[in-house]
Amino acid sequence: MRAISTVQIRSSVCPECGRIYVSGGTTTTTFVPKQNQPAADNLSGQNIDTWA
């Protein structure tokens, strides 16, 4: 399985001093099956490194 997480951060403003602060958030994690990876011998020529 492969885990995919999404994080949402909520912020608020202090009414007394006007500062912004993190006031909460939610995290959602879903699990999906891993996709089949091609065999290593089939990856010949698939990766290219470029240097500036």
C-alpha atoms as a PDB file:
ATOM      1  CA  MET A   1       0.000   0.000   0.000  1.00  0.00           C
ATOM      2  CA  ARG A   2       0.999   3.608  -0.591  1.00  0.00           C
ATOM      3  CA  ALA A   3      -0.036   6.403   1.791  1.00  0.00           C
ATOM      4  CA  ILE A   4      -1.074   9.803   0.444  1.00  0.00           C
ATOM      5  CA  SER A   5      -1.534  12.594   3.002  1.00  0.00           C
ATOM      6  CA  THR A   6      -3.062  16.042   2.683  1.00  0.00           C
ATOM      7  CA  VAL A   7      -2.540  18.668   5.385  1.00  0.00           C
ATOM      8  CA  GLN A   8      -4.655  21.800   5.764  1.00  0.00           C
ATOM      9  CA  ILE A   9      -3.527  24.452   8.262  1.00  0.00           C
ATOM     10  CA  ARG A  10      -5.996  27.037   9.554  1.00  0.00           C
ATOM     11  CA  SER A  11      -4.935  30.431  10.839  1.00  0.00           C
ATOM     12  CA  SER A  12      -6.668  33.104  12.903  1.00  0.00           C
ATOM     13  CA  VAL A  13      -5.994  36.690  13.915  1.00  0.00           C
ATOM     14  CA  CYS A  14      -5.780  37.695  17.562  1.00  0.00           C
ATOM     15  CA  PRO A  15      -8.453  40.373  18.130  1.00  0.00           C
ATOM     16  CA  GLU A  16      -6.354  42.086  20.842  1.00  0.00           C
ATOM     17  CA  CYS A  17      -2.911  42.348  19.202  1.00  0.00           C
ATOM     18  CA  GLY A  18      -3.631  41.585  15.542  1.00  0.00           C
ATOM     19  CA  ARG A  19      -1.090  38.769  15.276  1.00  0.00           C
ATOM     20  CA  ILE A  20      -1.755  35.840  12.972  1.00  0.00           C
ATOM     21  CA  TYR A  21      -1.399  32.385  14.505  1.00  0.00           C
ATOM     22  CA  VAL A  22      -2.049  28.748  13.597  1.00  0.00           C
ATOM     23  CA  SER A  23      -5.401  27.841  15.128  1.00  0.00           C
ATOM     24  CA  GLY A  24      -5.837  24.276  13.910  1.00  0.00           C
ATOM     25  CA  GLY A  25      -5.902  22.035  10.911  1.00  0.00           C
ATOM     26  CA  THR A  26      -6.823  18.695   9.471  1.00  0.00           C
ATOM     27  CA  THR A  27      -4.859  15.814   8.030  1.00  0.00           C
ATOM     28  CA  THR A  28      -6.390  13.338   5.599  1.00  0.00           C
ATOM     29  CA  THR A  29      -4.551  10.124   4.790  1.00  0.00           C
ATOM     30  CA  THR A  30      -5.653   7.666   2.136  1.00  0.00           C
ATOM     31  CA  PHE A  31      -4.096   4.358   1.206  1.00  0.00           C
ATOM     32  CA  VAL A  32      -3.928   3.161  -2.381  1.00  0.00           C
ATOM     33  CA  PRO A  33      -2.422  -0.019  -3.807  1.00  0.00           C
ATOM     34  CA  LYS A  34       1.073   0.305  -5.192  1.00  0.00           C
ATOM     35  CA  GLN A  35       1.314   0.247  -8.948  1.00  0.00           C
ATOM     36  CA  ASN A  36       3.493  -2.414 -10.511  1.00  0.00           C
ATOM     37  CA  GLN A  37       6.995  -1.162 -11.174  1.00  0.00           C
ATOM     38  CA  PRO A  38       8.679  -2.183 -14.428  1.00  0.00           C
ATOM     39  CA  ALA A  39      11.549  -4.632 -14.105  1.00  0.00           C
ATOM     40  CA  ALA A  40      14.992  -3.035 -13.711  1.00  0.00           C
ATOM     41  CA  ASP A  41      16.225  -4.493 -17.014  1.00  0.00           C
ATOM     42  CA  ASN A  42      13.433  -2.645 -18.860  1.00  0.00           C
ATOM     43  CA  LEU A  43      14.589   0.743 -17.555  1.00  0.00           C
ATOM     44  CA  SER A  44      17.604   0.975 -19.845  1.00  0.00           C
ATOM     45  CA  GLY A  45      17.756   4.470 -21.346  1.00  0.00           C
ATOM     46  CA  GLN A  46      14.890   5.812 -19.222  1.00  0.00           C
ATOM     47  CA  ASN A  47      17.002   8.132 -17.004  1.00  0.00           C
ATOM     48  CA  ILE A  48      18.893  11.145 -18.345  1.00  0.00           C
ATOM     49  CA  ASP A  49      21.161  13.309 -16.173  1.00  0.00           C
ATOM     50  CA  THR A  50      21.795  16.834 -17.437  1.00  0.00           C
ATOM     51  CA  TRP A  51      24.304  19.221 -15.924  1.00  0.00           C
ATOM     52  CA  ALA A  52      24.320  22.958 -16.584  1.00  0.00           C
END
